[in-house]
Amino acid sequence: MDHLRANGFRVKPIPVEDTGTIRRKYGIPDALGGCHTAVIDGYAIEGHVPAREIKRLLAERPKAKGLAVPGMPAGSPGMDQGPHRQPYDVLIVHDNGRHSVYSSYRN
């Protein structure tokens, strides 16, 4: 959440027992699940998605359910672990439920 706040987003945490319920409500497949789900302007943001990609999504306004970073890759926003970084993809979940790579982070 600090990453989002530092990039100009207002964040209102709402604790829930099962993030899967929210994820499914907004059309994000369980297989793409992360540790938390956000909603902004009707789009679901699943996991540790960089603010840059959220801003791009909001600027482009594609027909999509939202963005997801499955799991918790080291080096993604909020998962800083010193110099250790894992490559990861930000996925876009299309309206038909399929997903594709929206952006890749390799270092």
PDB file of N, CA and C in Angstrom:
ATOM      1  N   MET A   1       0.811  -1.181   0.000  1.00  0.00           N
ATOM      2  CA  MET A   1       0.000   0.000   0.000  1.00  0.00           C
ATOM      3  C   MET A   1       0.861   1.254   0.000  1.00  0.00           C
ATOM      4  N   ASP A   2       2.024   1.171   0.632  1.00  0.00           N
ATOM      5  CA  ASP A   2       2.923   2.327   0.652  1.00  0.00           C
ATOM      6  C   ASP A   2       3.325   2.720  -0.763  1.00  0.00           C
ATOM      7  N   HIS A   3       3.571   1.721  -1.611  1.00  0.00           N
ATOM      8  CA  HIS A   3       3.952   1.979  -3.002  1.00  0.00           C
ATOM      9  C   HIS A   3       2.846   2.750  -3.720  1.00  0.00           C
ATOM     10  N   LEU A   4       1.610   2.355  -3.524  1.00  0.00           N
ATOM     11  CA  LEU A   4       0.498   3.035  -4.177  1.00  0.00           C
ATOM     12  C   LEU A   4       0.334   4.451  -3.643  1.00  0.00           C
ATOM     13  N   ARG A   5       0.424   4.608  -2.338  1.00  0.00           N
ATOM     14  CA  ARG A   5       0.317   5.949  -1.745  1.00  0.00           C
ATOM     15  C   ARG A   5       1.427   6.858  -2.253  1.00  0.00           C
ATOM     16  N   ALA A   6       2.642   6.329  -2.339  1.00  0.00           N
ATOM     17  CA  ALA A   6       3.776   7.118  -2.820  1.00  0.00           C
ATOM     18  C   ALA A   6       3.611   7.534  -4.281  1.00  0.00           C
ATOM     19  N   ASN A   7       2.717   6.856  -4.993  1.00  0.00           N
ATOM     20  CA  ASN A   7       2.469   7.158  -6.402  1.00  0.00           C
ATOM     21  C   ASN A   7       1.125   7.851  -6.622  1.00  0.00           C
ATOM     22  N   GLY A   8       0.598   8.451  -5.568  1.00  0.00           N
ATOM     23  CA  GLY A   8      -0.573   9.300  -5.699  1.00  0.00           C
ATOM     24  C   GLY A   8      -1.928   8.645  -5.541  1.00  0.00           C
ATOM     25  N   PHE A   9      -1.965   7.369  -5.207  1.00  0.00           N
ATOM     26  CA  PHE A   9      -3.249   6.694  -5.017  1.00  0.00           C
ATOM     27  C   PHE A   9      -3.699   6.819  -3.567  1.00  0.00           C
ATOM     28  N   ARG A  10      -5.005   7.017  -3.380  1.00  0.00           N
ATOM     29  CA  ARG A  10      -5.577   6.941  -2.039  1.00  0.00           C
ATOM     30  C   ARG A  10      -5.966   5.490  -1.806  1.00  0.00           C
ATOM     31  N   VAL A  11      -5.561   4.962  -0.686  1.00  0.00           N
ATOM     32  CA  VAL A  11      -5.793   3.541  -0.395  1.00  0.00           C
ATOM     33  C   VAL A  11      -6.626   3.423   0.868  1.00  0.00           C
ATOM     34  N   LYS A  12      -7.683   2.634   0.769  1.00  0.00           N
ATOM     35  CA  LYS A  12      -8.536   2.378   1.933  1.00  0.00           C
ATOM     36  C   LYS A  12      -8.590   0.871   2.154  1.00  0.00           C
ATOM     37  N   PRO A  13      -7.777   0.351   3.079  1.00  0.00           N
ATOM     38  CA  PRO A  13      -7.790  -1.098   3.330  1.00  0.00           C
ATOM     39  C   PRO A  13      -9.113  -1.549   3.965  1.00  0.00           C
ATOM     40  N   ILE A  14      -9.616  -2.654   3.450  1.00  0.00           N
ATOM     41  CA  ILE A  14     -10.831  -3.256   3.999  1.00  0.00           C
ATOM     42  C   ILE A  14     -10.533  -4.735   4.242  1.00  0.00           C
ATOM     43  N   PRO A  15     -10.314  -5.114   5.495  1.00  0.00           N
ATOM     44  CA  PRO A  15     -10.022  -6.521   5.787  1.00  0.00           C
ATOM     45  C   PRO A  15     -11.215  -7.418   5.450  1.00  0.00           C
ATOM     46  N   VAL A  16     -10.922  -8.533   4.798  1.00  0.00           N
ATOM     47  CA  VAL A  16     -11.940  -9.534   4.489  1.00  0.00           C
ATOM     48  C   VAL A  16     -11.394 -10.907   4.859  1.00  0.00           C
ATOM     49  N   GLU A  17     -12.286 -11.833   5.135  1.00  0.00           N
ATOM     50  CA  GLU A  17     -11.851 -13.176   5.494  1.00  0.00           C
ATOM     51  C   GLU A  17     -11.263 -13.929   4.318  1.00  0.00           C
ATOM     52  N   ASP A  18     -11.858 -13.744   3.139  1.00  0.00           N
ATOM     53  CA  ASP A  18     -11.456 -14.515   1.971  1.00  0.00           C
ATOM     54  C   ASP A  18     -11.324 -13.591   0.762  1.00  0.00           C
ATOM     55  N   THR A  19     -10.096 -13.279   0.373  1.00  0.00           N
ATOM     56  CA  THR A  19      -9.898 -12.404  -0.786  1.00  0.00           C
ATOM     57  C   THR A  19     -10.384 -13.066  -2.074  1.00  0.00           C
ATOM     58  N   GLY A  20     -10.476 -14.385  -2.072  1.00  0.00           N
ATOM     59  CA  GLY A  20     -10.973 -15.098  -3.252  1.00  0.00           C
ATOM     60  C   GLY A  20     -12.382 -14.686  -3.627  1.00  0.00           C
ATOM     61  N   THR A  21     -13.198 -14.393  -2.639  1.00  0.00           N
ATOM     62  CA  THR A  21     -14.570 -13.961  -2.895  1.00  0.00           C
ATOM     63  C   THR A  21     -14.575 -12.662  -3.689  1.00  0.00           C
ATOM     64  N   ILE A  22     -13.756 -11.714  -3.295  1.00  0.00           N
ATOM     65  CA  ILE A  22     -13.662 -10.421  -3.988  1.00  0.00           C
ATOM     66  C   ILE A  22     -13.058 -10.625  -5.379  1.00  0.00           C
ATOM     67  N   ARG A  23     -12.003 -11.410  -5.429  1.00  0.00           N
ATOM     68  CA  ARG A  23     -11.329 -11.694  -6.703  1.00  0.00           C
ATOM     69  C   ARG A  23     -12.320 -12.256  -7.723  1.00  0.00           C
ATOM     70  N   ARG A  24     -13.082 -13.255  -7.321  1.00  0.00           N
ATOM     71  CA  ARG A  24     -14.060 -13.873  -8.229  1.00  0.00           C
ATOM     72  C   ARG A  24     -15.177 -12.906  -8.595  1.00  0.00           C
ATOM     73  N   LYS A  25     -15.600 -12.084  -7.650  1.00  0.00           N
ATOM     74  CA  LYS A  25     -16.655 -11.098  -7.920  1.00  0.00           C
ATOM     75  C   LYS A  25     -16.254 -10.173  -9.072  1.00  0.00           C
ATOM     76  N   TYR A  26     -14.973  -9.846  -9.147  1.00  0.00           N
ATOM     77  CA  TYR A  26     -14.492  -8.936 -10.182  1.00  0.00           C
ATOM     78  C   TYR A  26     -13.883  -9.650 -11.386  1.00  0.00           C
ATOM     79  N   GLY A  27     -14.013 -10.980 -11.431  1.00  0.00           N
ATOM     80  CA  GLY A  27     -13.630 -11.727 -12.628  1.00  0.00           C
ATOM     81  C   GLY A  27     -12.174 -12.119 -12.743  1.00  0.00           C
ATOM     82  N   ILE A  28     -11.445 -12.099 -11.645  1.00  0.00           N
ATOM     83  CA  ILE A  28     -10.047 -12.525 -11.672  1.00  0.00           C
ATOM     84  C   ILE A  28      -9.997 -14.009 -11.310  1.00  0.00           C
ATOM     85  N   PRO A  29      -9.454 -14.856 -12.195  1.00  0.00           N
ATOM     86  CA  PRO A  29      -9.385 -16.294 -11.901  1.00  0.00           C
ATOM     87  C   PRO A  29      -8.538 -16.587 -10.661  1.00  0.00           C
ATOM     88  N   ASP A  30      -8.946 -17.575  -9.900  1.00  0.00           N
ATOM     89  CA  ASP A  30      -8.198 -17.956  -8.699  1.00  0.00           C
ATOM     90  C   ASP A  30      -6.745 -18.283  -9.010  1.00  0.00           C
ATOM     91  N   ALA A  31      -6.486 -18.846 -10.178  1.00  0.00           N
ATOM     92  CA  ALA A  31      -5.118 -19.213 -10.546  1.00  0.00           C
ATOM     93  C   ALA A  31      -4.199 -17.998 -10.626  1.00  0.00           C
ATOM     94  N   LEU A  32      -4.755 -16.806 -10.744  1.00  0.00           N
ATOM     95  CA  LEU A  32      -3.954 -15.576 -10.820  1.00  0.00           C
ATOM     96  C   LEU A  32      -3.920 -14.836  -9.489  1.00  0.00           C
ATOM     97  N   GLY A  33      -4.358 -15.513  -8.448  1.00  0.00           N
ATOM     98  CA  GLY A  33      -4.482 -14.874  -7.146  1.00  0.00           C
ATOM     99  C   GLY A  33      -3.163 -14.442  -6.538  1.00  0.00           C
ATOM    100  N   GLY A  34      -3.255 -13.372  -5.798  1.00  0.00           N
ATOM    101  CA  GLY A  34      -2.147 -12.861  -5.002  1.00  0.00           C
ATOM    102  C   GLY A  34      -2.608 -12.794  -3.556  1.00  0.00           C
ATOM    103  N   CYS A  35      -2.006 -11.919  -2.800  1.00  0.00           N
ATOM    104  CA  CYS A  35      -2.342 -11.851  -1.375  1.00  0.00           C
ATOM    105  C   CYS A  35      -3.388 -10.797  -1.066  1.00  0.00           C
ATOM    106  N   HIS A  36      -3.730  -9.959  -2.032  1.00  0.00           N
ATOM    107  CA  HIS A  36      -4.760  -8.954  -1.797  1.00  0.00           C
ATOM    108  C   HIS A  36      -5.364  -8.511  -3.122  1.00  0.00           C
ATOM    109  N   THR A  37      -6.545  -7.937  -3.031  1.00  0.00           N
ATOM    110  CA  THR A  37      -7.261  -7.476  -4.212  1.00  0.00           C
ATOM    111  C   THR A  37      -7.690  -6.035  -3.977  1.00  0.00           C
ATOM    112  N   ALA A  38      -7.484  -5.199  -4.983  1.00  0.00           N
ATOM    113  CA  ALA A  38      -7.945  -3.814  -4.926  1.00  0.00           C
ATOM    114  C   ALA A  38      -8.920  -3.606  -6.074  1.00  0.00           C
ATOM    115  N   VAL A  39      -9.738  -2.584  -5.939  1.00  0.00           N
ATOM    116  CA  VAL A  39     -10.660  -2.209  -7.005  1.00  0.00           C
ATOM    117  C   VAL A  39     -10.514  -0.711  -7.227  1.00  0.00           C
ATOM    118  N   ILE A  40     -10.328  -0.337  -8.488  1.00  0.00           N
ATOM    119  CA  ILE A  40     -10.228   1.078  -8.841  1.00  0.00           C
ATOM    120  C   ILE A  40     -10.962   1.313 -10.154  1.00  0.00           C
ATOM    121  N   ASP A  41     -11.900   2.211 -10.129  1.00  0.00           N
ATOM    122  CA  ASP A  41     -12.692   2.554 -11.311  1.00  0.00           C
ATOM    123  C   ASP A  41     -13.244   1.322 -12.030  1.00  0.00           C
ATOM    124  N   GLY A  42     -13.681   0.325 -11.257  1.00  0.00           N
ATOM    125  CA  GLY A  42     -14.278  -0.870 -11.832  1.00  0.00           C
ATOM    126  C   GLY A  42     -13.309  -1.960 -12.233  1.00  0.00           C
ATOM    127  N   TYR A  43     -12.026  -1.688 -12.172  1.00  0.00           N
ATOM    128  CA  TYR A  43     -10.997  -2.683 -12.489  1.00  0.00           C
ATOM    129  C   TYR A  43     -10.500  -3.342 -11.203  1.00  0.00           C
ATOM    130  N   ALA A  44     -10.253  -4.635 -11.271  1.00  0.00           N
ATOM    131  CA  ALA A  44      -9.627  -5.353 -10.164  1.00  0.00           C
ATOM    132  C   ALA A  44      -8.114  -5.285 -10.330  1.00  0.00           C
ATOM    133  N   ILE A  45      -7.429  -5.103  -9.230  1.00  0.00           N
ATOM    134  CA  ILE A  45      -5.966  -5.101  -9.202  1.00  0.00           C
ATOM    135  C   ILE A  45      -5.576  -6.186  -8.208  1.00  0.00           C
ATOM    136  N   GLU A  46      -4.994  -7.257  -8.714  1.00  0.00           N
ATOM    137  CA  GLU A  46      -4.715  -8.437  -7.899  1.00  0.00           C
ATOM    138  C   GLU A  46      -3.224  -8.576  -7.635  1.00  0.00           C
ATOM    139  N   GLY A  47      -2.855  -8.579  -6.363  1.00  0.00           N
ATOM    140  CA  GLY A  47      -1.457  -8.792  -5.997  1.00  0.00           C
ATOM    141  C   GLY A  47      -0.621  -7.524  -6.088  1.00  0.00           C
ATOM    142  N   HIS A  48       0.673  -7.720  -6.291  1.00  0.00           N
ATOM    143  CA  HIS A  48       1.661  -6.636  -6.217  1.00  0.00           C
ATOM    144  C   HIS A  48       1.894  -5.991  -7.583  1.00  0.00           C
ATOM    145  N   VAL A  49       0.878  -5.317  -8.086  1.00  0.00           N
ATOM    146  CA  VAL A  49       0.941  -4.662  -9.394  1.00  0.00           C
ATOM    147  C   VAL A  49       1.602  -3.292  -9.235  1.00  0.00           C
ATOM    148  N   PRO A  50       2.622  -2.990 -10.036  1.00  0.00           N
ATOM    149  CA  PRO A  50       3.259  -1.672  -9.954  1.00  0.00           C
ATOM    150  C   PRO A  50       2.279  -0.542 -10.295  1.00  0.00           C
ATOM    151  N   ALA A  51       2.408   0.569  -9.597  1.00  0.00           N
ATOM    152  CA  ALA A  51       1.546   1.733  -9.827  1.00  0.00           C
ATOM    153  C   ALA A  51       1.612   2.189 -11.276  1.00  0.00           C
ATOM    154  N   ARG A  52       2.770   2.080 -11.884  1.00  0.00           N
ATOM    155  CA  ARG A  52       2.925   2.488 -13.289  1.00  0.00           C
ATOM    156  C   ARG A  52       1.925   1.754 -14.185  1.00  0.00           C
ATOM    157  N   GLU A  53       1.709   0.464 -13.930  1.00  0.00           N
ATOM    158  CA  GLU A  53       0.789  -0.315 -14.757  1.00  0.00           C
ATOM    159  C   GLU A  53      -0.670   0.030 -14.460  1.00  0.00           C
ATOM    160  N   ILE A  54      -0.967   0.360 -13.208  1.00  0.00           N
ATOM    161  CA  ILE A  54      -2.326   0.776 -12.862  1.00  0.00           C
ATOM    162  C   ILE A  54      -2.639   2.099 -13.555  1.00  0.00           C
ATOM    163  N   LYS A  55      -1.691   3.022 -13.533  1.00  0.00           N
ATOM    164  CA  LYS A  55      -1.895   4.309 -14.217  1.00  0.00           C
ATOM    165  C   LYS A  55      -2.077   4.107 -15.718  1.00  0.00           C
ATOM    166  N   ARG A  56      -1.306   3.205 -16.288  1.00  0.00           N
ATOM    167  CA  ARG A  56      -1.455   2.896 -17.721  1.00  0.00           C
ATOM    168  C   ARG A  56      -2.850   2.331 -18.004  1.00  0.00           C
ATOM    169  N   LEU A  57      -3.294   1.401 -17.171  1.00  0.00           N
ATOM    170  CA  LEU A  57      -4.625   0.804 -17.322  1.00  0.00           C
ATOM    171  C   LEU A  57      -5.702   1.884 -17.301  1.00  0.00           C
ATOM    172  N   LEU A  58      -5.599   2.793 -16.344  1.00  0.00           N
ATOM    173  CA  LEU A  58      -6.606   3.843 -16.212  1.00  0.00           C
ATOM    174  C   LEU A  58      -6.551   4.832 -17.377  1.00  0.00           C
ATOM    175  N   ALA A  59      -5.380   5.042 -17.944  1.00  0.00           N
ATOM    176  CA  ALA A  59      -5.248   5.940 -19.094  1.00  0.00           C
ATOM    177  C   ALA A  59      -5.780   5.295 -20.373  1.00  0.00           C
ATOM    178  N   GLU A  60      -5.494   4.003 -20.556  1.00  0.00           N
ATOM    179  CA  GLU A  60      -5.888   3.298 -21.782  1.00  0.00           C
ATOM    180  C   GLU A  60      -7.333   2.817 -21.752  1.00  0.00           C
ATOM    181  N   ARG A  61      -7.837   2.490 -20.570  1.00  0.00           N
ATOM    182  CA  ARG A  61      -9.204   2.004 -20.387  1.00  0.00           C
ATOM    183  C   ARG A  61      -9.576   0.829 -21.302  1.00  0.00           C
ATOM    184  N   PRO A  62      -8.778  -0.240 -21.312  1.00  0.00           N
ATOM    185  CA  PRO A  62      -9.133  -1.384 -22.158  1.00  0.00           C
ATOM    186  C   PRO A  62     -10.370  -2.103 -21.616  1.00  0.00           C
ATOM    187  N   LYS A  63     -11.025  -2.851 -22.482  1.00  0.00           N
ATOM    188  CA  LYS A  63     -12.115  -3.708 -22.026  1.00  0.00           C
ATOM    189  C   LYS A  63     -11.463  -4.887 -21.336  1.00  0.00           C
ATOM    190  N   ALA A  64     -11.466  -4.870 -20.022  1.00  0.00           N
ATOM    191  CA  ALA A  64     -10.778  -5.899 -19.241  1.00  0.00           C
ATOM    192  C   ALA A  64     -11.357  -5.933 -17.838  1.00  0.00           C
ATOM    193  N   LYS A  65     -11.104  -7.048 -17.168  1.00  0.00           N
ATOM    194  CA  LYS A  65     -11.498  -7.186 -15.772  1.00  0.00           C
ATOM    195  C   LYS A  65     -10.504  -6.473 -14.858  1.00  0.00           C
ATOM    196  N   GLY A  66      -9.207  -6.530 -15.242  1.00  0.00           N
ATOM    197  CA  GLY A  66      -8.201  -5.887 -14.417  1.00  0.00           C
ATOM    198  C   GLY A  66      -6.821  -6.463 -14.651  1.00  0.00           C
ATOM    199  N   LEU A  67      -5.929  -6.198 -13.693  1.00  0.00           N
ATOM    200  CA  LEU A  67      -4.532  -6.630 -13.765  1.00  0.00           C
ATOM    201  C   LEU A  67      -4.216  -7.561 -12.603  1.00  0.00           C
ATOM    202  N   ALA A  68      -3.242  -8.447 -12.825  1.00  0.00           N
ATOM    203  CA  ALA A  68      -2.842  -9.375 -11.765  1.00  0.00           C
ATOM    204  C   ALA A  68      -1.353  -9.670 -11.831  1.00  0.00           C
ATOM    205  N   VAL A  69      -0.755  -9.788 -10.657  1.00  0.00           N
ATOM    206  CA  VAL A  69       0.591 -10.338 -10.497  1.00  0.00           C
ATOM    207  C   VAL A  69       0.416 -11.528  -9.553  1.00  0.00           C
ATOM    208  N   PRO A  70       0.340 -12.736 -10.121  1.00  0.00           N
ATOM    209  CA  PRO A  70       0.136 -13.917  -9.275  1.00  0.00           C
ATOM    210  C   PRO A  70       1.287 -14.127  -8.291  1.00  0.00           C
ATOM    211  N   GLY A  71       0.948 -14.654  -7.131  1.00  0.00           N
ATOM    212  CA  GLY A  71       1.959 -14.932  -6.117  1.00  0.00           C
ATOM    213  C   GLY A  71       2.502 -13.654  -5.515  1.00  0.00           C
ATOM    214  N   MET A  72       3.701 -13.744  -5.006  1.00  0.00           N
ATOM    215  CA  MET A  72       4.344 -12.593  -4.381  1.00  0.00           C
ATOM    216  C   MET A  72       5.808 -12.539  -4.813  1.00  0.00           C
ATOM    217  N   PRO A  73       6.084 -12.184  -6.073  1.00  0.00           N
ATOM    218  CA  PRO A  73       7.470 -12.210  -6.552  1.00  0.00           C
ATOM    219  C   PRO A  73       8.367 -11.194  -5.843  1.00  0.00           C
ATOM    220  N   ALA A  74       9.542 -11.637  -5.460  1.00  0.00           N
ATOM    221  CA  ALA A  74      10.526 -10.752  -4.825  1.00  0.00           C
ATOM    222  C   ALA A  74      10.887  -9.633  -5.784  1.00  0.00           C
ATOM    223  N   GLY A  75      10.875  -8.408  -5.268  1.00  0.00           N
ATOM    224  CA  GLY A  75      11.204  -7.252  -6.085  1.00  0.00           C
ATOM    225  C   GLY A  75       9.992  -6.540  -6.636  1.00  0.00           C
ATOM    226  N   SER A  76       8.817  -7.159  -6.551  1.00  0.00           N
ATOM    227  CA  SER A  76       7.602  -6.451  -6.951  1.00  0.00           C
ATOM    228  C   SER A  76       7.273  -5.442  -5.843  1.00  0.00           C
ATOM    229  N   PRO A  77       6.443  -4.443  -6.124  1.00  0.00           N
ATOM    230  CA  PRO A  77       6.143  -3.436  -5.100  1.00  0.00           C
ATOM    231  C   PRO A  77       5.652  -4.071  -3.804  1.00  0.00           C
ATOM    232  N   GLY A  78       6.280  -3.685  -2.712  1.00  0.00           N
ATOM    233  CA  GLY A  78       5.919  -4.228  -1.410  1.00  0.00           C
ATOM    234  C   GLY A  78       6.618  -5.531  -1.067  1.00  0.00           C
ATOM    235  N   MET A  79       7.354  -6.080  -2.004  1.00  0.00           N
ATOM    236  CA  MET A  79       8.061  -7.341  -1.778  1.00  0.00           C
ATOM    237  C   MET A  79       9.572  -7.145  -1.916  1.00  0.00           C
ATOM    238  N   ASP A  80      10.041  -5.986  -1.507  1.00  0.00           N
ATOM    239  CA  ASP A  80      11.471  -5.689  -1.573  1.00  0.00           C
ATOM    240  C   ASP A  80      12.239  -6.621  -0.641  1.00  0.00           C
ATOM    241  N   GLN A  81      13.237  -7.271  -1.201  1.00  0.00           N
ATOM    242  CA  GLN A  81      14.059  -8.194  -0.426  1.00  0.00           C
ATOM    243  C   GLN A  81      15.520  -7.947  -0.738  1.00  0.00           C
ATOM    244  N   GLY A  82      15.952  -6.699  -0.539  1.00  0.00           N
ATOM    245  CA  GLY A  82      17.337  -6.348  -0.842  1.00  0.00           C
ATOM    246  C   GLY A  82      17.603  -6.503  -2.326  1.00  0.00           C
ATOM    247  N   PRO A  83      18.759  -7.035  -2.668  1.00  0.00           N
ATOM    248  CA  PRO A  83      19.098  -7.145  -4.083  1.00  0.00           C
ATOM    249  C   PRO A  83      18.397  -8.309  -4.800  1.00  0.00           C
ATOM    250  N   HIS A  84      17.763  -9.203  -4.032  1.00  0.00           N
ATOM    251  CA  HIS A  84      17.098 -10.368  -4.651  1.00  0.00           C
ATOM    252  C   HIS A  84      15.825  -9.930  -5.354  1.00  0.00           C
ATOM    253  N   ARG A  85      15.757 -10.187  -6.667  1.00  0.00           N
ATOM    254  CA  ARG A  85      14.583  -9.841  -7.467  1.00  0.00           C
ATOM    255  C   ARG A  85      14.246 -11.007  -8.379  1.00  0.00           C
ATOM    256  N   GLN A  86      12.972 -11.295  -8.500  1.00  0.00           N
ATOM    257  CA  GLN A  86      12.508 -12.323  -9.416  1.00  0.00           C
ATOM    258  C   GLN A  86      11.876 -11.661 -10.630  1.00  0.00           C
ATOM    259  N   PRO A  87      12.079 -12.215 -11.807  1.00  0.00           N
ATOM    260  CA  PRO A  87      11.321 -11.696 -12.953  1.00  0.00           C
ATOM    261  C   PRO A  87       9.843 -12.035 -12.770  1.00  0.00           C
ATOM    262  N   TYR A  88       8.984 -11.146 -13.239  1.00  0.00           N
ATOM    263  CA  TYR A  88       7.551 -11.429 -13.161  1.00  0.00           C
ATOM    264  C   TYR A  88       6.820 -10.671 -14.257  1.00  0.00           C
ATOM    265  N   ASP A  89       5.614 -11.123 -14.521  1.00  0.00           N
ATOM    266  CA  ASP A  89       4.750 -10.495 -15.506  1.00  0.00           C
ATOM    267  C   ASP A  89       3.538  -9.886 -14.816  1.00  0.00           C
ATOM    268  N   VAL A  90       3.110  -8.752 -15.329  1.00  0.00           N
ATOM    269  CA  VAL A  90       1.812  -8.189 -14.967  1.00  0.00           C
ATOM    270  C   VAL A  90       0.861  -8.680 -16.052  1.00  0.00           C
ATOM    271  N   LEU A  91      -0.184  -9.352 -15.634  1.00  0.00           N
ATOM    272  CA  LEU A  91      -1.145  -9.928 -16.579  1.00  0.00           C
ATOM    273  C   LEU A  91      -2.400  -9.070 -16.650  1.00  0.00           C
ATOM    274  N   ILE A  92      -2.955  -8.964 -17.835  1.00  0.00           N
ATOM    275  CA  ILE A  92      -4.262  -8.319 -17.989  1.00  0.00           C
ATOM    276  C   ILE A  92      -5.290  -9.421 -18.167  1.00  0.00           C
ATOM    277  N   VAL A  93      -6.364  -9.317 -17.424  1.00  0.00           N
ATOM    278  CA  VAL A  93      -7.457 -10.284 -17.526  1.00  0.00           C
ATOM    279  C   VAL A  93      -8.528  -9.643 -18.402  1.00  0.00           C
ATOM    280  N   HIS A  94      -8.727 -10.232 -19.555  1.00  0.00           N
ATOM    281  CA  HIS A  94      -9.676  -9.710 -20.528  1.00  0.00           C
ATOM    282  C   HIS A  94     -11.113 -10.015 -20.104  1.00  0.00           C
ATOM    283  N   ASP A  95     -12.055  -9.340 -20.725  1.00  0.00           N
ATOM    284  CA  ASP A  95     -13.470  -9.540 -20.385  1.00  0.00           C
ATOM    285  C   ASP A  95     -13.930 -10.983 -20.564  1.00  0.00           C
ATOM    286  N   ASN A  96     -13.289 -11.726 -21.466  1.00  0.00           N
ATOM    287  CA  ASN A  96     -13.674 -13.123 -21.689  1.00  0.00           C
ATOM    288  C   ASN A  96     -13.048 -14.074 -20.674  1.00  0.00           C
ATOM    289  N   GLY A  97     -12.287 -13.540 -19.710  1.00  0.00           N
ATOM    290  CA  GLY A  97     -11.668 -14.359 -18.667  1.00  0.00           C
ATOM    291  C   GLY A  97     -10.278 -14.844 -18.997  1.00  0.00           C
ATOM    292  N   ARG A  98      -9.873 -14.723 -20.249  1.00  0.00           N
ATOM    293  CA  ARG A  98      -8.508 -15.101 -20.614  1.00  0.00           C
ATOM    294  C   ARG A  98      -7.561 -13.990 -20.184  1.00  0.00           C
ATOM    295  N   HIS A  99      -6.284 -14.328 -20.145  1.00  0.00           N
ATOM    296  CA  HIS A  99      -5.314 -13.311 -19.754  1.00  0.00           C
ATOM    297  C   HIS A  99      -4.107 -13.342 -20.687  1.00  0.00           C
ATOM    298  N   SER A 100      -3.393 -12.239 -20.698  1.00  0.00           N
ATOM    299  CA  SER A 100      -2.170 -12.125 -21.484  1.00  0.00           C
ATOM    300  C   SER A 100      -1.215 -11.203 -20.743  1.00  0.00           C
ATOM    301  N   VAL A 101       0.028 -11.175 -21.205  1.00  0.00           N
ATOM    302  CA  VAL A 101       1.038 -10.338 -20.559  1.00  0.00           C
ATOM    303  C   VAL A 101       0.785  -8.877 -20.923  1.00  0.00           C
ATOM    304  N   TYR A 102       0.673  -8.055 -19.914  1.00  0.00           N
ATOM    305  CA  TYR A 102       0.490  -6.608 -20.075  1.00  0.00           C
ATOM    306  C   TYR A 102       1.832  -5.902 -20.009  1.00  0.00           C
ATOM    307  N   SER A 103       2.705  -6.404 -19.139  1.00  0.00           N
ATOM    308  CA  SER A 103       4.030  -5.842 -18.980  1.00  0.00           C
ATOM    309  C   SER A 103       4.918  -6.873 -18.280  1.00  0.00           C
ATOM    310  N   SER A 104       6.211  -6.828 -18.573  1.00  0.00           N
ATOM    311  CA  SER A 104       7.160  -7.761 -17.945  1.00  0.00           C
ATOM    312  C   SER A 104       8.226  -6.993 -17.190  1.00  0.00           C
ATOM    313  N   TYR A 105       8.599  -7.525 -16.045  1.00  0.00           N
ATOM    314  CA  TYR A 105       9.660  -6.953 -15.217  1.00  0.00           C
ATOM    315  C   TYR A 105      10.740  -8.016 -15.076  1.00  0.00           C
ATOM    316  N   ARG A 106      11.920  -7.710 -15.541  1.00  0.00           N
ATOM    317  CA  ARG A 106      12.986  -8.716 -15.586  1.00  0.00           C
ATOM    318  C   ARG A 106      14.167  -8.410 -14.669  1.00  0.00           C
ATOM    319  N   ASN A 107      14.218  -7.232 -14.080  1.00  0.00           N
ATOM    320  CA  ASN A 107      15.353  -6.966 -13.181  1.00  0.00           C
ATOM    321  C   ASN A 107      14.942  -6.223 -11.959  1.00  0.00           C
TER     322      ASN A 107
END
